[in-house]
Protein backbone atom coordinates (compact mmCIF):
# COMPACT_ATOMS: atom_id res chain seq x y z
CA MET A 1 -6.08 -46.99 31.02
CA ASN A 2 -5.23 -46.46 27.34
CA TYR A 3 -4.37 -43.37 25.31
CA GLU A 4 -7.93 -42.80 24.08
CA ASP A 5 -9.27 -42.84 27.66
CA ILE A 6 -6.65 -40.33 28.81
CA LYS A 7 -7.33 -38.08 25.81
CA LYS A 8 -11.09 -38.15 26.49
CA LEU A 9 -10.44 -37.28 30.15
CA ILE A 10 -8.32 -34.28 29.12
CA ASP A 11 -10.95 -33.09 26.63
CA ASP A 12 -13.74 -33.50 29.19
CA MET A 13 -11.84 -31.46 31.75
CA GLY A 14 -11.07 -28.77 29.18
CA ASN A 15 -14.78 -28.42 28.44
CA SER A 16 -15.86 -28.44 32.10
CA LYS A 17 -15.83 -25.75 34.77
CA ILE A 18 -13.50 -27.84 36.96
CA ASP A 19 -10.14 -26.13 37.61
CA GLU A 20 -8.28 -29.06 39.13
CA LEU A 21 -8.66 -32.85 39.05
CA ASN A 22 -6.79 -35.62 40.92
CA ILE A 23 -7.64 -39.27 40.24
CA GLU A 24 -6.03 -42.36 41.77
CA PHE A 25 -6.95 -45.74 40.26
CA PRO A 26 -6.78 -49.05 42.18
CA GLU A 27 -4.04 -50.27 39.80
CA GLY A 28 -1.75 -47.52 41.18
CA ILE A 29 -2.15 -45.06 38.28
CA LYS A 30 -2.43 -41.44 39.39
CA ILE A 31 -3.63 -38.59 37.16
CA SER A 32 -3.45 -34.96 38.22
CA MET A 33 -4.60 -32.10 36.00
CA LYS A 34 -4.85 -28.37 36.65
CA LYS A 35 -6.11 -25.59 34.42
CA ASP A 36 -4.08 -22.45 33.96
CA LYS A 37 -5.95 -19.69 35.79
CA ALA A 38 -4.26 -16.81 33.95
CA PRO A 39 -6.81 -14.09 33.29
CA ALA A 40 -7.66 -13.33 29.71
CA ALA A 41 -6.01 -10.25 28.32
CA PRO A 42 -8.35 -7.25 28.33
CA ILE A 43 -9.58 -6.06 24.99
CA VAL A 44 -8.71 -2.42 24.43
CA GLN A 45 -10.20 -0.47 21.60
CA THR A 46 -8.07 2.35 20.29
CA GLU A 47 -8.22 5.04 17.68
CA PRO A 48 -6.63 4.35 14.29
CA VAL A 49 -2.87 4.93 14.38
CA GLN A 50 -1.41 7.77 12.36
CA PHE A 51 2.25 7.63 11.42
CA ILE A 52 4.23 10.84 11.51
CA ASN A 53 7.65 11.29 9.91
CA VAL A 54 10.08 12.51 12.55
CA PRO A 55 13.33 14.03 11.31
CA GLU A 56 16.47 12.28 12.54
CA LYS A 57 18.49 14.03 15.16
CA LYS A 58 21.88 15.22 13.95
CA GLU A 59 23.38 14.65 17.41
CA GLU A 60 22.74 10.90 17.19
CA LYS A 61 24.46 10.68 13.81
CA GLN A 62 27.47 12.63 15.09
CA GLU A 63 27.72 10.37 18.14
CA ILE A 64 27.66 7.26 15.94
CA ASN A 65 30.35 8.73 13.69
CA LYS A 66 32.55 9.46 16.72
CA LYS A 67 32.31 5.85 17.84
CA GLU A 68 33.34 4.66 14.40
CA GLU A 69 36.48 6.83 14.47
CA TYR A 70 37.91 4.95 17.46
CA LYS A 71 40.27 2.07 17.08
CA ILE A 72 39.85 -0.52 19.80
CA VAL A 73 42.70 -2.42 21.43
CA LYS A 74 41.23 -5.70 22.68
CA SER A 75 42.59 -8.23 25.13
CA PRO A 76 44.36 -11.06 23.29
CA MET A 77 43.79 -13.45 26.24
CA VAL A 78 41.96 -14.12 29.49
CA GLY A 79 43.74 -12.68 32.51
CA THR A 80 44.11 -9.78 34.92
CA PHE A 81 44.55 -6.24 33.55
CA TYR A 82 47.28 -4.08 35.05
CA SER A 83 47.81 -0.48 33.97
CA LYS A 84 51.34 -0.31 35.45
CA SER A 85 54.34 -2.58 35.88
CA SER A 86 54.23 -2.51 39.71
CA PRO A 87 51.95 -1.04 42.39
CA ASN A 88 54.25 1.97 42.90
CA ALA A 89 55.07 2.57 39.22
CA LYS A 90 53.50 5.14 36.92
CA ALA A 91 50.74 3.93 34.56
CA TYR A 92 51.92 2.99 31.07
CA VAL A 93 49.39 5.33 29.46
CA GLU A 94 46.78 7.85 30.52
CA ILE A 95 43.74 9.33 28.78
CA GLY A 96 44.84 12.03 26.34
CA GLN A 97 48.32 10.59 25.90
CA ARG A 98 49.63 10.07 22.35
CA VAL A 99 50.87 6.57 21.56
CA LYS A 100 52.62 4.98 18.63
CA LYS A 101 52.27 1.50 17.23
CA GLY A 102 54.34 -0.82 19.43
CA ASP A 103 54.12 1.28 22.63
CA VAL A 104 53.28 -0.78 25.73
CA LEU A 105 49.76 0.09 26.94
CA CYS A 106 49.32 -2.37 29.81
CA ILE A 107 50.01 -5.84 31.14
CA VAL A 108 47.63 -8.80 31.13
CA GLU A 109 48.68 -11.45 33.62
CA ALA A 110 47.75 -14.98 32.59
CA MET A 111 48.89 -18.04 34.56
CA LYS A 112 51.56 -16.04 36.41
CA LEU A 113 53.00 -14.73 33.13
CA MET A 114 53.09 -10.96 32.58
CA ASN A 115 52.17 -10.22 28.96
CA GLU A 116 52.84 -6.70 27.71
CA ILE A 117 50.03 -5.47 25.44
CA GLU A 118 51.31 -3.12 22.76
CA SER A 119 49.38 -0.54 20.78
CA GLU A 120 48.36 -1.69 17.34
CA PHE A 121 47.77 1.90 16.21
CA ASP A 122 49.21 5.42 16.29
CA GLY A 123 46.93 7.94 17.97
CA GLU A 124 45.58 9.37 21.22
CA VAL A 125 44.20 7.28 24.08
CA VAL A 126 40.62 8.52 24.55
CA GLU A 127 39.32 5.85 26.92
CA ILE A 128 40.66 3.12 29.19
CA CYS A 129 37.80 0.60 29.22
CA VAL A 130 38.85 -1.48 32.26
CA SER A 131 40.18 -0.69 35.71
CA ASP A 132 43.44 -1.81 37.24
CA GLY A 133 43.27 -5.38 38.63
CA GLU A 134 40.10 -6.23 36.68
CA MET A 135 39.68 -9.67 35.12
CA VAL A 136 39.41 -9.50 31.31
CA GLU A 137 38.15 -12.00 28.78
CA TYR A 138 39.53 -12.70 25.32
CA GLY A 139 38.39 -9.90 22.97
CA LYS A 140 37.31 -7.48 25.73
CA PRO A 141 38.01 -3.86 24.74
CA LEU A 142 40.88 -2.42 26.78
CA PHE A 143 41.57 0.95 25.12
CA LYS A 144 39.96 3.28 22.59
CA ILE A 145 42.45 5.14 20.46
CA LYS A 146 41.59 8.05 18.15
């Protein structure tokens, strides 16, 4: 069976009402075809669309501006985040605490090495983005500082 014969068979099936076709030739060639039975999308007639200018909400703009004011401290490596030096110790920082550039914020353990992560900014910790013992990826936000 050559290409032209196969193409004609496909075209004939496409033009017929047959949904499925299985042919097995004596030479061992098998051809199986099945039409997609997905229903046609319904045609819906609608009224012409009118566009209305909607004033922007001031709340959304303020929320966006607040997000832009934050400075993000990101994880410099893949590892496990720890908010304190030992299970019984006090957390390095808490929400609302003021920090200075160079203050230790947390530890990220990577390959059994404890890496102290220092603040890159002066400001107030407004959010701790991960929980104690959580795995972090490179670049994952750890803290938001305002």
